N, C-alpha and C. Protein backbone atom coordinates (compact mmCIF):
# COMPACT_ATOMS: atom_id res chain seq x y z
N UNK A 1 72.64 77.21 121.75
CA UNK A 1 73.65 77.89 123.25
C UNK A 1 74.60 77.19 123.24
N UNK A 2 75.10 76.42 122.35
CA UNK A 2 76.20 75.44 122.56
C UNK A 2 77.51 76.03 122.54
N UNK A 3 78.16 76.82 122.98
CA UNK A 3 79.11 77.41 122.68
C UNK A 3 80.63 76.77 123.10
N UNK A 4 81.85 76.31 122.54
CA UNK A 4 82.73 76.13 123.29
C UNK A 4 83.47 76.79 124.57
N UNK A 5 84.01 75.87 125.45
CA UNK A 5 84.35 76.56 126.52
C UNK A 5 85.20 77.41 126.47
N UNK A 6 86.22 77.17 125.52
CA UNK A 6 87.58 78.06 125.20
C UNK A 6 86.84 79.56 124.72
N UNK A 7 85.64 79.49 124.28
CA UNK A 7 85.09 80.69 123.65
C UNK A 7 84.46 81.47 124.68
N UNK A 8 84.04 80.96 125.79
CA UNK A 8 83.72 81.26 127.03
C UNK A 8 84.72 82.25 127.60
N UNK A 9 85.79 81.40 128.20
CA UNK A 9 86.93 81.22 128.45
C UNK A 9 87.34 83.04 127.67
N UNK A 10 87.54 82.81 126.72
CA UNK A 10 87.99 84.08 125.71
C UNK A 10 87.40 84.82 125.83
N UNK A 11 86.01 85.22 126.10
CA UNK A 11 85.19 86.04 126.13
C UNK A 11 85.24 87.02 127.89
N UNK A 12 85.29 86.11 128.41
CA UNK A 12 85.76 86.67 129.87
C UNK A 12 87.03 87.13 130.21
N UNK A 13 87.83 86.61 129.37
CA UNK A 13 89.20 87.45 129.62
C UNK A 13 89.41 88.76 128.84
N UNK A 14 88.54 88.92 127.69
CA UNK A 14 88.68 89.87 127.00
C UNK A 14 88.04 91.07 127.56
N UNK A 15 86.67 90.53 128.43
CA UNK A 15 86.13 91.45 128.95
C UNK A 15 86.86 92.01 130.34
N UNK A 16 87.51 91.27 130.83
CA UNK A 16 87.94 91.36 132.02
C UNK A 16 89.30 92.50 131.68
N UNK A 17 90.02 92.31 130.38
CA UNK A 17 91.00 93.23 129.99
C UNK A 17 90.28 94.27 129.58
N UNK A 18 89.21 94.40 129.04
CA UNK A 18 88.61 95.90 128.70
C UNK A 18 88.03 96.94 129.93
N UNK A 19 87.87 95.88 130.93
CA UNK A 19 87.42 96.79 132.17
C UNK A 19 88.59 97.15 132.97
N UNK A 20 89.44 96.35 132.93
CA UNK A 20 90.77 96.89 133.53
C UNK A 20 91.35 98.15 132.72
N UNK A 21 91.49 98.18 131.40
CA UNK A 21 91.71 99.22 130.81
C UNK A 21 90.98 100.53 130.84
N UNK A 22 89.71 100.15 130.96
CA UNK A 22 89.06 101.34 131.26
C UNK A 22 89.01 101.89 132.93
N UNK A 23 89.13 101.09 133.92
CA UNK A 23 89.34 101.38 134.96
C UNK A 23 90.82 102.18 135.16
N UNK A 24 91.53 101.77 134.58
CA UNK A 24 93.03 102.80 134.34
C UNK A 24 93.01 103.78 133.87
N UNK A 25 92.21 103.82 132.99
CA UNK A 25 92.21 105.49 132.00
C UNK A 25 91.62 106.07 133.15
N UNK A 26 90.19 105.73 133.66
CA UNK A 26 89.59 106.65 134.39
C UNK A 26 90.03 107.28 135.69
N UNK A 27 90.76 106.27 136.44
CA UNK A 27 91.33 106.54 137.26
C UNK A 27 92.37 107.42 137.43
N UNK A 28 93.31 107.70 136.15
CA UNK A 28 93.97 108.49 136.27
C UNK A 28 93.68 109.94 136.05
N UNK A 29 92.27 109.92 134.94
CA UNK A 29 91.91 110.96 134.87
C UNK A 29 91.05 111.94 135.64
N UNK A 30 90.60 111.01 136.76
CA UNK A 30 89.98 111.31 137.68
C UNK A 30 91.11 112.24 138.92
N UNK A 31 92.21 111.48 138.88
CA UNK A 31 93.04 111.86 139.77
C UNK A 31 93.72 113.46 139.23
N UNK A 32 93.70 113.72 137.87
CA UNK A 32 94.11 114.47 137.29
C UNK A 32 93.13 115.89 137.46
N UNK A 33 92.06 115.50 137.32
CA UNK A 33 90.97 116.37 137.82
C UNK A 33 90.87 116.67 139.51
N UNK A 34 91.27 115.76 139.90
CA UNK A 34 91.42 116.50 141.53
C UNK A 34 92.52 117.38 141.61
N UNK A 35 93.18 116.97 141.08
CA UNK A 35 94.66 117.83 141.24
C UNK A 35 94.64 119.30 140.71
N UNK A 36 94.17 119.28 139.71
CA UNK A 36 93.49 120.75 138.93
C UNK A 36 92.82 121.53 139.74
N UNK A 37 91.82 120.58 140.16
CA UNK A 37 90.64 121.81 141.17
C UNK A 37 91.60 122.00 142.47
N UNK A 38 92.36 121.29 142.81
CA UNK A 38 93.16 121.71 144.25
C UNK A 38 93.84 122.89 143.75
N UNK A 39 94.78 123.01 142.65
CA UNK A 39 95.49 123.95 142.06
C UNK A 39 94.60 125.27 141.83
N UNK A 40 93.16 125.40 141.29
CA UNK A 40 92.64 126.07 140.97
C UNK A 40 91.99 126.95 142.64
N UNK A 41 91.79 126.07 143.40
CA UNK A 41 91.21 126.48 144.73
C UNK A 41 92.52 127.37 145.37
N UNK A 42 93.86 126.80 145.27
CA UNK A 42 94.85 127.23 145.97
C UNK A 42 95.02 128.68 145.26
N UNK A 43 94.89 128.92 144.04
CA UNK A 43 95.17 129.84 143.37
C UNK A 43 93.81 131.14 143.66
N UNK A 44 92.53 130.75 143.88
CA UNK A 44 91.69 131.58 144.00
C UNK A 44 91.82 131.98 145.65
N UNK A 45 92.27 131.38 146.58
CA UNK A 45 92.44 131.46 147.65
C UNK A 45 93.31 132.40 148.22
N UNK A 46 94.58 133.12 147.28
CA UNK A 46 95.52 134.06 147.51
C UNK A 46 94.80 135.19 147.80
N UNK A 47 95.13 135.97 148.91
CA UNK A 47 94.64 137.45 149.05
C UNK A 47 95.55 138.21 147.97
N UNK A 48 94.75 138.68 146.91
CA UNK A 48 95.29 139.21 145.63
C UNK A 48 95.46 140.88 146.02
N UNK A 49 94.48 141.09 147.19
CA UNK A 49 94.51 142.64 147.20
C UNK A 49 95.59 143.57 148.08
N UNK A 50 96.32 142.36 148.73
CA UNK A 50 97.60 142.88 149.60
C UNK A 50 98.73 142.82 148.85
N UNK A 51 98.79 142.60 147.53
CA UNK A 51 99.90 142.26 146.57
C UNK A 51 100.51 143.79 146.27
N UNK A 52 101.40 144.32 146.21
CA UNK A 52 101.70 145.77 145.73
C UNK A 52 101.52 145.92 144.24
N UNK A 53 101.24 147.03 143.88
CA UNK A 53 101.47 147.00 142.10
C UNK A 53 102.40 147.93 141.85
N UNK A 54 103.36 147.57 141.42
CA UNK A 54 104.43 148.48 140.90
C UNK A 54 104.36 149.32 139.86
N UNK A 55 103.18 148.80 138.93
CA UNK A 55 103.10 149.41 137.48
C UNK A 55 101.30 149.25 137.38
N UNK A 56 100.78 149.78 136.47
CA UNK A 56 99.74 149.59 136.07
C UNK A 56 99.56 148.26 135.38
N UNK A 57 98.75 147.15 136.07
CA UNK A 57 98.56 145.85 135.32
C UNK A 57 99.39 145.37 136.10
N UNK A 58 100.86 145.19 136.67
CA UNK A 58 101.75 144.28 137.14
C UNK A 58 101.79 144.42 138.50
N UNK A 59 102.12 143.16 139.15
CA UNK A 59 102.65 142.79 140.41
C UNK A 59 103.96 142.83 140.54
């Protein structure tokens, strides 16, 4: 277990870079999922029954 200090530092820097990239990807994807959930909630909360129907199947 006698490794050089430079290898240990390299490993720590590499792991921290990987975790930073993982965090950035998952954070942005989580934001996209939350925003799309908000859009779907807004769409399904619209009172569709009160819209006038001009022709069959169209609003």
